[in-house]
Amino acid sequence: MKVNKDRCPANHPCPAVRVCPVGAIAQRGFGLPQIDGKICIMCKKCVKFCPMGAISE
């Protein structure tokens, strides 16, 4: 999973952080969210939840 920096405004708390069932998404301040590929289980909940369509495979 990856975050497209051109689609993510990164000016607010990322709403996808709270829907990740394994805590694979982290965000510092209002920066670009980071997805830890070692933790991610590819459930795609974040993809479906991101209102900006910034998260993809």
C-alpha atoms as a PDB file:
ATOM      1  CA  MET A   1       0.000   0.000   0.000  1.00  0.00           C
ATOM      2  CA  LYS A   2       1.190   3.516  -0.707  1.00  0.00           C
ATOM      3  CA  VAL A   3       0.070   7.113  -0.257  1.00  0.00           C
ATOM      4  CA  ASN A   4       0.006   9.367  -3.314  1.00  0.00           C
ATOM      5  CA  LYS A   5       1.458  12.684  -2.094  1.00  0.00           C
ATOM      6  CA  ASP A   6      -0.219  14.545  -4.972  1.00  0.00           C
ATOM      7  CA  ARG A   7      -3.690  13.438  -3.849  1.00  0.00           C
ATOM      8  CA  CYS A   8      -3.193  13.706  -0.085  1.00  0.00           C
ATOM      9  CA  PRO A   9      -3.552  17.261   1.224  1.00  0.00           C
ATOM     10  CA  ALA A  10      -1.636  16.296   4.407  1.00  0.00           C
ATOM     11  CA  ASN A  11      -3.125  19.272   6.235  1.00  0.00           C
ATOM     12  CA  HIS A  12      -5.298  17.381   8.699  1.00  0.00           C
ATOM     13  CA  PRO A  13      -5.257  14.207  10.787  1.00  0.00           C
ATOM     14  CA  CYS A  14      -5.478  11.304   8.335  1.00  0.00           C
ATOM     15  CA  PRO A  15      -8.866   9.605   8.790  1.00  0.00           C
ATOM     16  CA  ALA A  16      -7.508   6.292   7.468  1.00  0.00           C
ATOM     17  CA  VAL A  17      -5.223   5.925  10.517  1.00  0.00           C
ATOM     18  CA  ARG A  18      -8.150   5.002  12.742  1.00  0.00           C
ATOM     19  CA  VAL A  19      -9.627   2.391  10.358  1.00  0.00           C
ATOM     20  CA  CYS A  20      -6.450   0.313  10.016  1.00  0.00           C
ATOM     21  CA  PRO A  21      -7.069  -2.852  12.054  1.00  0.00           C
ATOM     22  CA  VAL A  22      -3.359  -3.525  12.625  1.00  0.00           C
ATOM     23  CA  GLY A  23      -2.012   0.003  13.141  1.00  0.00           C
ATOM     24  CA  ALA A  24       0.081   0.030   9.971  1.00  0.00           C
ATOM     25  CA  ILE A  25      -0.590   3.716   9.197  1.00  0.00           C
ATOM     26  CA  ALA A  26       1.276   6.424  11.087  1.00  0.00           C
ATOM     27  CA  GLN A  27       1.237  10.183  10.720  1.00  0.00           C
ATOM     28  CA  ARG A  28       3.450  12.825  12.320  1.00  0.00           C
ATOM     29  CA  GLY A  29       1.531  16.016  12.893  1.00  0.00           C
ATOM     30  CA  PHE A  30      -0.308  16.795   9.677  1.00  0.00           C
ATOM     31  CA  GLY A  31       2.399  15.271   7.484  1.00  0.00           C
ATOM     32  CA  LEU A  32       1.963  12.657   4.790  1.00  0.00           C
ATOM     33  CA  PRO A  33       0.780   9.363   6.342  1.00  0.00           C
ATOM     34  CA  GLN A  34       3.214   6.460   6.142  1.00  0.00           C
ATOM     35  CA  ILE A  35       2.136   2.833   5.689  1.00  0.00           C
ATOM     36  CA  ASP A  36       4.379   0.156   7.175  1.00  0.00           C
ATOM     37  CA  GLY A  37       4.448  -2.661   4.630  1.00  0.00           C
ATOM     38  CA  LYS A  38       5.735  -5.107   7.256  1.00  0.00           C
ATOM     39  CA  ILE A  39       2.605  -4.637   9.365  1.00  0.00           C
ATOM     40  CA  CYS A  40      -0.018  -4.041   6.649  1.00  0.00           C
ATOM     41  CA  ILE A  41      -2.272  -7.049   5.965  1.00  0.00           C
ATOM     42  CA  MET A  42      -3.609  -5.611   2.668  1.00  0.00           C
ATOM     43  CA  CYS A  43      -7.212  -5.503   3.875  1.00  0.00           C
ATOM     44  CA  LYS A  44      -7.709  -2.271   1.850  1.00  0.00           C
ATOM     45  CA  LYS A  45      -9.937  -0.639   4.453  1.00  0.00           C
ATOM     46  CA  CYS A  46      -7.784   2.479   4.176  1.00  0.00           C
ATOM     47  CA  VAL A  47      -8.183   2.534   0.385  1.00  0.00           C
ATOM     48  CA  LYS A  48     -11.957   2.462   0.695  1.00  0.00           C
ATOM     49  CA  PHE A  49     -12.002   4.976   3.547  1.00  0.00           C
ATOM     50  CA  CYS A  50      -9.656   7.694   2.240  1.00  0.00           C
ATOM     51  CA  PRO A  51     -11.900  10.532   1.018  1.00  0.00           C
ATOM     52  CA  MET A  52      -9.204  11.828  -1.336  1.00  0.00           C
ATOM     53  CA  GLY A  53      -8.432   8.483  -2.989  1.00  0.00           C
ATOM     54  CA  ALA A  54      -4.786   8.970  -2.011  1.00  0.00           C
ATOM     55  CA  ILE A  55      -4.136   5.406  -0.817  1.00  0.00           C
ATOM     56  CA  SER A  56      -3.648   2.570  -3.307  1.00  0.00           C
ATOM     57  CA  GLU A  57      -1.840  -0.716  -3.816  1.00  0.00           C
END
